[in-house]
All heavy atoms as atom14 arrays in JSON, in Angstrom:
{
  "sequence": "AGGSLRLSCAASGSIGSINAMGWYRQAPGKQRELVAAISNGG",
  "atom14_mask": [
    [1, 1, 1, 1, 1, 0, 0, 0, 0, 0, 0, 0, 0, 0],
    [1, 1, 1, 1, 0, 0, 0, 0, 0, 0, 0, 0, 0, 0],
    [1, 1, 1, 1, 0, 0, 0, 0, 0, 0, 0, 0, 0, 0],
    [1, 1, 1, 1, 1, 1, 0, 0, 0, 0, 0, 0, 0, 0],
    [1, 1, 1, 1, 1, 1, 1, 1, 0, 0, 0, 0, 0, 0],
    [1, 1, 1, 1, 1, 1, 1, 1, 1, 1, 1, 0, 0, 0],
    [1, 1, 1, 1, 1, 1, 1, 1, 0, 0, 0, 0, 0, 0],
    [1, 1, 1, 1, 1, 1, 0, 0, 0, 0, 0, 0, 0, 0],
    [1, 1, 1, 1, 1, 1, 0, 0, 0, 0, 0, 0, 0, 0],
    [1, 1, 1, 1, 1, 0, 0, 0, 0, 0, 0, 0, 0, 0],
    [1, 1, 1, 1, 1, 0, 0, 0, 0, 0, 0, 0, 0, 0],
    [1, 1, 1, 1, 1, 1, 0, 0, 0, 0, 0, 0, 0, 0],
    [1, 1, 1, 1, 0, 0, 0, 0, 0, 0, 0, 0, 0, 0],
    [1, 1, 1, 1, 1, 1, 0, 0, 0, 0, 0, 0, 0, 0],
    [1, 1, 1, 1, 1, 1, 1, 1, 0, 0, 0, 0, 0, 0],
    [1, 1, 1, 1, 0, 0, 0, 0, 0, 0, 0, 0, 0, 0],
    [1, 1, 1, 1, 1, 1, 0, 0, 0, 0, 0, 0, 0, 0],
    [1, 1, 1, 1, 1, 1, 1, 1, 0, 0, 0, 0, 0, 0],
    [1, 1, 1, 1, 1, 1, 1, 1, 0, 0, 0, 0, 0, 0],
    [1, 1, 1, 1, 1, 0, 0, 0, 0, 0, 0, 0, 0, 0],
    [1, 1, 1, 1, 1, 1, 1, 1, 0, 0, 0, 0, 0, 0],
    [1, 1, 1, 1, 0, 0, 0, 0, 0, 0, 0, 0, 0, 0],
    [1, 1, 1, 1, 1, 1, 1, 1, 1, 1, 1, 1, 1, 1],
    [1, 1, 1, 1, 1, 1, 1, 1, 1, 1, 1, 1, 0, 0],
    [1, 1, 1, 1, 1, 1, 1, 1, 1, 1, 1, 0, 0, 0],
    [1, 1, 1, 1, 1, 1, 1, 1, 1, 0, 0, 0, 0, 0],
    [1, 1, 1, 1, 1, 0, 0, 0, 0, 0, 0, 0, 0, 0],
    [1, 1, 1, 1, 1, 1, 1, 0, 0, 0, 0, 0, 0, 0],
    [1, 1, 1, 1, 0, 0, 0, 0, 0, 0, 0, 0, 0, 0],
    [1, 1, 1, 1, 1, 1, 1, 1, 1, 0, 0, 0, 0, 0],
    [1, 1, 1, 1, 1, 1, 1, 1, 1, 0, 0, 0, 0, 0],
    [1, 1, 1, 1, 1, 1, 1, 1, 1, 1, 1, 0, 0, 0],
    [1, 1, 1, 1, 1, 1, 1, 1, 1, 0, 0, 0, 0, 0],
    [1, 1, 1, 1, 1, 1, 1, 1, 0, 0, 0, 0, 0, 0],
    [1, 1, 1, 1, 1, 1, 1, 0, 0, 0, 0, 0, 0, 0],
    [1, 1, 1, 1, 1, 0, 0, 0, 0, 0, 0, 0, 0, 0],
    [1, 1, 1, 1, 1, 0, 0, 0, 0, 0, 0, 0, 0, 0],
    [1, 1, 1, 1, 1, 1, 1, 1, 0, 0, 0, 0, 0, 0],
    [1, 1, 1, 1, 1, 1, 0, 0, 0, 0, 0, 0, 0, 0],
    [1, 1, 1, 1, 1, 1, 1, 1, 0, 0, 0, 0, 0, 0],
    [1, 1, 1, 1, 0, 0, 0, 0, 0, 0, 0, 0, 0, 0],
    [1, 1, 1, 1, 0, 0, 0, 0, 0, 0, 0, 0, 0, 0]
  ],
  "atom14_positions": [
    [[0.83, -1.19, 0.0], [0.0, 0.0, 0.0], [0.87, 1.25, 0.0], [1.87, 1.33, 0.72], [-0.93, 0.0, 1.2], [0.0, 0.0, 0.0], [0.0, 0.0, 0.0], [0.0, 0.0, 0.0], [0.0, 0.0, 0.0], [0.0, 0.0, 0.0], [0.0, 0.0, 0.0], [0.0, 0.0, 0.0], [0.0, 0.0, 0.0], [0.0, 0.0, 0.0]],
    [[0.48, 2.21, -0.82], [1.25, 3.43, -0.97], [2.26, 3.39, -2.09], [2.83, 4.43, -2.45], [0.0, 0.0, 0.0], [0.0, 0.0, 0.0], [0.0, 0.0, 0.0], [0.0, 0.0, 0.0], [0.0, 0.0, 0.0], [0.0, 0.0, 0.0], [0.0, 0.0, 0.0], [0.0, 0.0, 0.0], [0.0, 0.0, 0.0], [0.0, 0.0, 0.0]],
    [[2.48, 2.22, -2.67], [3.44, 2.07, -3.74], [2.86, 2.44, -5.09], [1.72, 2.89, -5.21], [0.0, 0.0, 0.0], [0.0, 0.0, 0.0], [0.0, 0.0, 0.0], [0.0, 0.0, 0.0], [0.0, 0.0, 0.0], [0.0, 0.0, 0.0], [0.0, 0.0, 0.0], [0.0, 0.0, 0.0], [0.0, 0.0, 0.0], [0.0, 0.0, 0.0]],
    [[3.66, 2.21, -6.14], [3.28, 2.59, -7.49], [3.55, 1.46, -8.47], [4.44, 0.63, -8.27], [4.07, 3.82, -7.95], [3.8, 4.95, -7.13], [0.0, 0.0, 0.0], [0.0, 0.0, 0.0], [0.0, 0.0, 0.0], [0.0, 0.0, 0.0], [0.0, 0.0, 0.0], [0.0, 0.0, 0.0], [0.0, 0.0, 0.0], [0.0, 0.0, 0.0]],
    [[2.76, 1.44, -9.54], [2.95, 0.55, -10.66], [2.62, 1.31, -11.94], [1.81, 2.24, -11.93], [2.06, -0.69, -10.58], [2.44, -1.79, -9.6], [1.34, -2.86, -9.57], [3.77, -2.43, -9.97], [0.0, 0.0, 0.0], [0.0, 0.0, 0.0], [0.0, 0.0, 0.0], [0.0, 0.0, 0.0], [0.0, 0.0, 0.0], [0.0, 0.0, 0.0]],
    [[3.24, 0.89, -13.03], [2.97, 1.46, -14.34], [2.59, 0.34, -15.3], [3.4, -0.55, -15.57], [4.19, 2.21, -14.86], [4.04, 2.81, -16.27], [5.31, 3.54, -16.63], [5.46, 3.83, -18.05], [5.07, 4.94, -18.65], [4.47, 5.89, -17.96], [5.28, 5.11, -19.95], [0.0, 0.0, 0.0], [0.0, 0.0, 0.0], [0.0, 0.0, 0.0]],
    [[1.36, 0.37, -15.79], [0.87, -0.62, -16.73], [1.04, -0.12, -18.15], [0.87, 1.08, -18.43], [-0.6, -0.94, -16.48], [-0.99, -1.38, -15.07], [-2.48, -1.72, -15.02], [-0.15, -2.57, -14.61], [0.0, 0.0, 0.0], [0.0, 0.0, 0.0], [0.0, 0.0, 0.0], [0.0, 0.0, 0.0], [0.0, 0.0, 0.0], [0.0, 0.0, 0.0]],
    [[1.35, -1.04, -19.07], [1.48, -0.72, -20.47], [0.65, -1.68, -21.29], [0.48, -2.84, -20.92], [2.94, -0.81, -20.93], [3.78, 0.08, -20.22], [0.0, 0.0, 0.0], [0.0, 0.0, 0.0], [0.0, 0.0, 0.0], [0.0, 0.0, 0.0], [0.0, 0.0, 0.0], [0.0, 0.0, 0.0], [0.0, 0.0, 0.0], [0.0, 0.0, 0.0]],
    [[0.14, -1.21, -22.41], [-0.62, -2.05, -23.33], [-0.3, -1.6, -24.75], [-0.61, -0.47, -25.13], [-2.12, -1.94, -23.06], [-3.15, -2.88, -24.2], [0.0, 0.0, 0.0], [0.0, 0.0, 0.0], [0.0, 0.0, 0.0], [0.0, 0.0, 0.0], [0.0, 0.0, 0.0], [0.0, 0.0, 0.0], [0.0, 0.0, 0.0], [0.0, 0.0, 0.0]],
    [[0.31, -2.49, -25.52], [0.72, -2.19, -26.88], [-0.13, -2.97, -27.87], [-0.31, -4.18, -27.72], [2.2, -2.52, -27.08], [0.0, 0.0, 0.0], [0.0, 0.0, 0.0], [0.0, 0.0, 0.0], [0.0, 0.0, 0.0], [0.0, 0.0, 0.0], [0.0, 0.0, 0.0], [0.0, 0.0, 0.0], [0.0, 0.0, 0.0], [0.0, 0.0, 0.0]],
    [[-0.62, -2.29, -28.88], [-1.41, -2.91, -29.93], [-0.54, -3.22, -31.14], [0.33, -2.43, -31.52], [-2.56, -2.0, -30.35], [0.0, 0.0, 0.0], [0.0, 0.0, 0.0], [0.0, 0.0, 0.0], [0.0, 0.0, 0.0], [0.0, 0.0, 0.0], [0.0, 0.0, 0.0], [0.0, 0.0, 0.0], [0.0, 0.0, 0.0], [0.0, 0.0, 0.0]],
    [[-0.76, -4.38, -31.74], [-0.01, -4.77, -32.93], [-0.92, -5.54, -33.87], [-2.0, -5.99, -33.49], [1.21, -5.61, -32.56], [0.82, -6.82, -31.92], [0.0, 0.0, 0.0], [0.0, 0.0, 0.0], [0.0, 0.0, 0.0], [0.0, 0.0, 0.0], [0.0, 0.0, 0.0], [0.0, 0.0, 0.0], [0.0, 0.0, 0.0], [0.0, 0.0, 0.0]],
    [[-0.46, -5.71, -35.11], [-1.23, -6.4, -36.12], [-1.93, -5.43, -37.05], [-1.5, -4.3, -37.23], [0.0, 0.0, 0.0], [0.0, 0.0, 0.0], [0.0, 0.0, 0.0], [0.0, 0.0, 0.0], [0.0, 0.0, 0.0], [0.0, 0.0, 0.0], [0.0, 0.0, 0.0], [0.0, 0.0, 0.0], [0.0, 0.0, 0.0], [0.0, 0.0, 0.0]],
    [[-3.03, -5.89, -37.62], [-3.81, -5.07, -38.55], [-4.75, -4.16, -37.78], [-5.97, -4.36, -37.74], [-4.58, -5.97, -39.51], [-3.71, -6.8, -40.25], [0.0, 0.0, 0.0], [0.0, 0.0, 0.0], [0.0, 0.0, 0.0], [0.0, 0.0, 0.0], [0.0, 0.0, 0.0], [0.0, 0.0, 0.0], [0.0, 0.0, 0.0], [0.0, 0.0, 0.0]],
    [[-4.17, -3.15, -37.15], [-4.94, -2.34, -36.2], [-5.69, -1.19, -36.86], [-6.55, -0.58, -36.22], [-4.02, -1.79, -35.09], [-2.91, -0.93, -35.69], [-3.44, -2.92, -34.27], [-2.04, -0.27, -34.63], [0.0, 0.0, 0.0], [0.0, 0.0, 0.0], [0.0, 0.0, 0.0], [0.0, 0.0, 0.0], [0.0, 0.0, 0.0], [0.0, 0.0, 0.0]],
    [[-5.41, -0.89, -38.11], [-6.05, 0.26, -38.73], [-5.7, 1.53, -37.99], [-4.53, 1.83, -37.78], [0.0, 0.0, 0.0], [0.0, 0.0, 0.0], [0.0, 0.0, 0.0], [0.0, 0.0, 0.0], [0.0, 0.0, 0.0], [0.0, 0.0, 0.0], [0.0, 0.0, 0.0], [0.0, 0.0, 0.0], [0.0, 0.0, 0.0], [0.0, 0.0, 0.0]],
    [[-6.7, 2.27, -37.55], [-6.49, 3.44, -36.73], [-7.13, 3.22, -35.37], [-8.16, 2.57, -35.25], [-7.06, 4.7, -37.39], [-8.46, 4.6, -37.55], [0.0, 0.0, 0.0], [0.0, 0.0, 0.0], [0.0, 0.0, 0.0], [0.0, 0.0, 0.0], [0.0, 0.0, 0.0], [0.0, 0.0, 0.0], [0.0, 0.0, 0.0], [0.0, 0.0, 0.0]],
    [[-6.51, 3.78, -34.33], [-6.98, 3.61, -32.96], [-7.74, 4.86, -32.53], [-7.22, 5.97, -32.63], [-5.82, 3.35, -32.0], [-5.01, 2.13, -32.45], [-6.35, 3.14, -30.59], [-3.81, 1.84, -31.58], [0.0, 0.0, 0.0], [0.0, 0.0, 0.0], [0.0, 0.0, 0.0], [0.0, 0.0, 0.0], [0.0, 0.0, 0.0], [0.0, 0.0, 0.0]],
    [[-8.94, 4.66, -32.06], [-9.71, 5.76, -31.51], [-9.47, 5.82, -30.0], [-8.34, 6.02, -29.57], [-11.18, 5.59, -31.86], [-11.42, 5.65, -33.36], [-10.88, 6.49, -34.06], [-12.25, 4.74, -33.87], [0.0, 0.0, 0.0], [0.0, 0.0, 0.0], [0.0, 0.0, 0.0], [0.0, 0.0, 0.0], [0.0, 0.0, 0.0], [0.0, 0.0, 0.0]],
    [[-10.49, 5.62, -29.2], [-10.31, 5.67, -27.76], [-9.63, 4.41, -27.23], [-9.76, 3.32, -27.8], [-11.65, 5.87, -27.06], [0.0, 0.0, 0.0], [0.0, 0.0, 0.0], [0.0, 0.0, 0.0], [0.0, 0.0, 0.0], [0.0, 0.0, 0.0], [0.0, 0.0, 0.0], [0.0, 0.0, 0.0], [0.0, 0.0, 0.0], [0.0, 0.0, 0.0]],
    [[-8.91, 4.55, -26.13], [-8.33, 3.43, -25.41], [-8.67, 3.6, -23.94], [-8.9, 4.72, -23.48], [-6.82, 3.36, -25.6], [-6.37, 3.28, -27.05], [-4.58, 3.05, -27.24], [-4.43, 1.3, -26.87], [0.0, 0.0, 0.0], [0.0, 0.0, 0.0], [0.0, 0.0, 0.0], [0.0, 0.0, 0.0], [0.0, 0.0, 0.0], [0.0, 0.0, 0.0]],
    [[-8.71, 2.49, -23.22], [-9.06, 2.59, -21.82], [-8.56, 1.42, -21.0], [-8.1, 0.41, -21.54], [0.0, 0.0, 0.0], [0.0, 0.0, 0.0], [0.0, 0.0, 0.0], [0.0, 0.0, 0.0], [0.0, 0.0, 0.0], [0.0, 0.0, 0.0], [0.0, 0.0, 0.0], [0.0, 0.0, 0.0], [0.0, 0.0, 0.0], [0.0, 0.0, 0.0]],
    [[-8.64, 1.6, -19.69], [-8.3, 0.57, -18.73], [-9.52, 0.24, -17.89], [-10.22, 1.14, -17.41], [-7.16, 1.01, -17.81], [-5.83, 1.09, -18.49], [-5.26, 2.18, -19.06], [-4.91, 0.01, -18.67], [-4.03, 1.86, -19.59], [-3.79, 0.53, -19.35], [-4.91, -1.34, -18.31], [-2.69, -0.26, -19.69], [-3.82, -2.12, -18.65], [-2.73, -1.57, -19.33]],
    [[-9.77, -1.05, -17.71], [-10.83, -1.56, -16.86], [-10.22, -2.48, -15.82], [-9.1, -2.96, -15.98], [-11.87, -2.34, -17.68], [-12.66, -1.5, -18.66], [-12.08, -0.99, -19.81], [-14.01, -1.23, -18.43], [-12.81, -0.22, -20.71], [-14.75, -0.48, -19.33], [-14.14, 0.03, -20.46], [-14.88, 0.78, -21.35], [0.0, 0.0, 0.0], [0.0, 0.0, 0.0]],
    [[-10.97, -2.73, -14.75], [-10.5, -3.69, -13.76], [-11.67, -4.49, -13.21], [-12.81, -4.05, -13.22], [-9.76, -2.99, -12.62], [-10.63, -2.1, -11.73], [-9.76, -1.36, -10.73], [-10.54, -0.52, -9.83], [-10.01, 0.34, -8.97], [-8.69, 0.47, -8.88], [-10.81, 1.06, -8.18], [0.0, 0.0, 0.0], [0.0, 0.0, 0.0], [0.0, 0.0, 0.0]],
    [[-11.35, -5.69, -12.74], [-12.36, -6.56, -12.18], [-11.77, -7.33, -11.0], [-10.76, -8.02, -11.14], [-12.89, -7.55, -13.22], [-14.06, -8.38, -12.75], [-14.73, -9.12, -13.88], [-14.13, -9.37, -14.93], [-15.99, -9.47, -13.69], [0.0, 0.0, 0.0], [0.0, 0.0, 0.0], [0.0, 0.0, 0.0], [0.0, 0.0, 0.0], [0.0, 0.0, 0.0]],
    [[-12.39, -7.17, -9.85], [-12.01, -7.9, -8.65], [-12.94, -9.08, -8.47], [-14.08, -9.07, -8.97], [-12.07, -6.98, -7.43], [0.0, 0.0, 0.0], [0.0, 0.0, 0.0], [0.0, 0.0, 0.0], [0.0, 0.0, 0.0], [0.0, 0.0, 0.0], [0.0, 0.0, 0.0], [0.0, 0.0, 0.0], [0.0, 0.0, 0.0], [0.0, 0.0, 0.0]],
    [[-12.51, -10.12, -7.75], [-13.37, -11.28, -7.53], [-14.71, -10.9, -6.92], [-14.77, -10.15, -5.94], [-12.56, -12.16, -6.57], [-11.14, -11.78, -6.85], [-11.18, -10.31, -7.14], [0.0, 0.0, 0.0], [0.0, 0.0, 0.0], [0.0, 0.0, 0.0], [0.0, 0.0, 0.0], [0.0, 0.0, 0.0], [0.0, 0.0, 0.0], [0.0, 0.0, 0.0]],
    [[-15.79, -11.4, -7.5], [-17.12, -11.13, -7.0], [-17.68, -9.77, -7.36], [-18.78, -9.43, -6.91], [0.0, 0.0, 0.0], [0.0, 0.0, 0.0], [0.0, 0.0, 0.0], [0.0, 0.0, 0.0], [0.0, 0.0, 0.0], [0.0, 0.0, 0.0], [0.0, 0.0, 0.0], [0.0, 0.0, 0.0], [0.0, 0.0, 0.0], [0.0, 0.0, 0.0]],
    [[-16.96, -9.0, -8.16], [-17.41, -7.68, -8.54], [-17.49, -7.56, -10.06], [-16.88, -8.32, -10.8], [-16.47, -6.6, -8.0], [-16.4, -6.54, -6.48], [-15.51, -5.4, -6.02], [-15.46, -5.31, -4.51], [-14.58, -4.2, -4.05], [0.0, 0.0, 0.0], [0.0, 0.0, 0.0], [0.0, 0.0, 0.0], [0.0, 0.0, 0.0], [0.0, 0.0, 0.0]],
    [[-18.26, -6.57, -10.51], [-18.38, -6.31, -11.94], [-17.14, -5.6, -12.46], [-16.47, -4.88, -11.73], [-19.63, -5.47, -12.23], [-20.95, -6.17, -11.95], [-22.13, -5.31, -12.34], [-22.08, -4.09, -12.28], [-23.21, -5.95, -12.76], [0.0, 0.0, 0.0], [0.0, 0.0, 0.0], [0.0, 0.0, 0.0], [0.0, 0.0, 0.0], [0.0, 0.0, 0.0]],
    [[-16.88, -5.8, -13.74], [-15.8, -5.07, -14.38], [-16.18, -3.59, -14.46], [-17.31, -3.25, -14.83], [-15.52, -5.63, -15.77], [-14.32, -5.01, -16.45], [-14.0, -5.72, -17.76], [-13.67, -7.12, -17.57], [-13.25, -7.93, -18.53], [-13.08, -7.47, -19.76], [-13.0, -9.2, -18.25], [0.0, 0.0, 0.0], [0.0, 0.0, 0.0], [0.0, 0.0, 0.0]],
    [[-15.25, -2.72, -14.12], [-15.53, -1.3, -14.09], [-14.48, -0.53, -14.87], [-13.32, -0.94, -14.96], [-15.58, -0.78, -12.65], [-14.26, -0.88, -11.91], [-14.29, -0.23, -10.53], [-15.26, 0.48, -10.23], [-13.33, -0.45, -9.75], [0.0, 0.0, 0.0], [0.0, 0.0, 0.0], [0.0, 0.0, 0.0], [0.0, 0.0, 0.0], [0.0, 0.0, 0.0]],
    [[-14.9, 0.59, -15.42], [-13.99, 1.48, -16.12], [-13.12, 2.21, -15.11], [-13.62, 2.8, -14.15], [-14.76, 2.48, -16.96], [-13.93, 3.56, -17.66], [-13.05, 2.95, -18.73], [-14.84, 4.63, -18.26], [0.0, 0.0, 0.0], [0.0, 0.0, 0.0], [0.0, 0.0, 0.0], [0.0, 0.0, 0.0], [0.0, 0.0, 0.0], [0.0, 0.0, 0.0]],
    [[-11.82, 2.18, -15.32], [-10.87, 2.89, -14.48], [-10.51, 4.23, -15.1], [-10.57, 5.27, -14.44], [-9.6, 2.06, -14.24], [-8.59, 2.84, -13.4], [-9.95, 0.74, -13.58], [0.0, 0.0, 0.0], [0.0, 0.0, 0.0], [0.0, 0.0, 0.0], [0.0, 0.0, 0.0], [0.0, 0.0, 0.0], [0.0, 0.0, 0.0], [0.0, 0.0, 0.0]],
    [[-10.12, 4.21, -16.36], [-9.72, 5.43, -17.06], [-9.84, 5.2, -18.56], [-9.69, 4.08, -19.04], [-8.29, 5.83, -16.7], [0.0, 0.0, 0.0], [0.0, 0.0, 0.0], [0.0, 0.0, 0.0], [0.0, 0.0, 0.0], [0.0, 0.0, 0.0], [0.0, 0.0, 0.0], [0.0, 0.0, 0.0], [0.0, 0.0, 0.0], [0.0, 0.0, 0.0]],
    [[-10.11, 6.27, -19.29], [-10.19, 6.21, -20.74], [-9.55, 7.46, -21.31], [-9.52, 8.52, -20.67], [-11.64, 6.09, -21.21], [0.0, 0.0, 0.0], [0.0, 0.0, 0.0], [0.0, 0.0, 0.0], [0.0, 0.0, 0.0], [0.0, 0.0, 0.0], [0.0, 0.0, 0.0], [0.0, 0.0, 0.0], [0.0, 0.0, 0.0], [0.0, 0.0, 0.0]],
    [[-9.04, 7.33, -22.53], [-8.38, 8.46, -23.18], [-8.71, 8.46, -24.66], [-8.7, 7.42, -25.32], [-6.85, 8.41, -22.94], [-6.17, 9.67, -23.49], [-6.25, 7.14, -23.52], [-4.72, 9.8, -23.04], [0.0, 0.0, 0.0], [0.0, 0.0, 0.0], [0.0, 0.0, 0.0], [0.0, 0.0, 0.0], [0.0, 0.0, 0.0], [0.0, 0.0, 0.0]],
    [[-9.04, 9.62, -25.19], [-9.37, 9.76, -26.59], [-8.1, 9.84, -27.43], [-6.98, 9.97, -26.91], [-10.22, 11.01, -26.82], [-9.44, 12.18, -26.63], [0.0, 0.0, 0.0], [0.0, 0.0, 0.0], [0.0, 0.0, 0.0], [0.0, 0.0, 0.0], [0.0, 0.0, 0.0], [0.0, 0.0, 0.0], [0.0, 0.0, 0.0], [0.0, 0.0, 0.0]],
    [[-8.27, 9.76, -28.74], [-7.12, 9.88, -29.63], [-6.42, 11.23, -29.47], [-5.21, 11.33, -29.67], [-7.55, 9.67, -31.08], [-6.37, 9.52, -32.02], [-5.41, 8.8, -31.74], [-6.42, 10.21, -33.15], [0.0, 0.0, 0.0], [0.0, 0.0, 0.0], [0.0, 0.0, 0.0], [0.0, 0.0, 0.0], [0.0, 0.0, 0.0], [0.0, 0.0, 0.0]],
    [[-7.18, 12.25, -29.11], [-6.62, 13.57, -28.91], [-6.04, 13.81, -27.53], [-5.51, 14.89, -27.27], [0.0, 0.0, 0.0], [0.0, 0.0, 0.0], [0.0, 0.0, 0.0], [0.0, 0.0, 0.0], [0.0, 0.0, 0.0], [0.0, 0.0, 0.0], [0.0, 0.0, 0.0], [0.0, 0.0, 0.0], [0.0, 0.0, 0.0], [0.0, 0.0, 0.0]],
    [[-6.15, 12.83, -26.63], [-5.53, 12.93, -25.32], [-6.45, 13.35, -24.19], [-5.98, 13.55, -23.06], [0.0, 0.0, 0.0], [0.0, 0.0, 0.0], [0.0, 0.0, 0.0], [0.0, 0.0, 0.0], [0.0, 0.0, 0.0], [0.0, 0.0, 0.0], [0.0, 0.0, 0.0], [0.0, 0.0, 0.0], [0.0, 0.0, 0.0], [0.0, 0.0, 0.0]]
  ]
}
């Protein structure tokens, strides 16, 4: 507790163009929830 982590997610393949990207999380017994999202413009 109190520490830090940095998550990365790289897309590859026939990706075309990327619009919005986001991070979700799911804990045991809970629904998946949106943590953060970012548009192509930032």
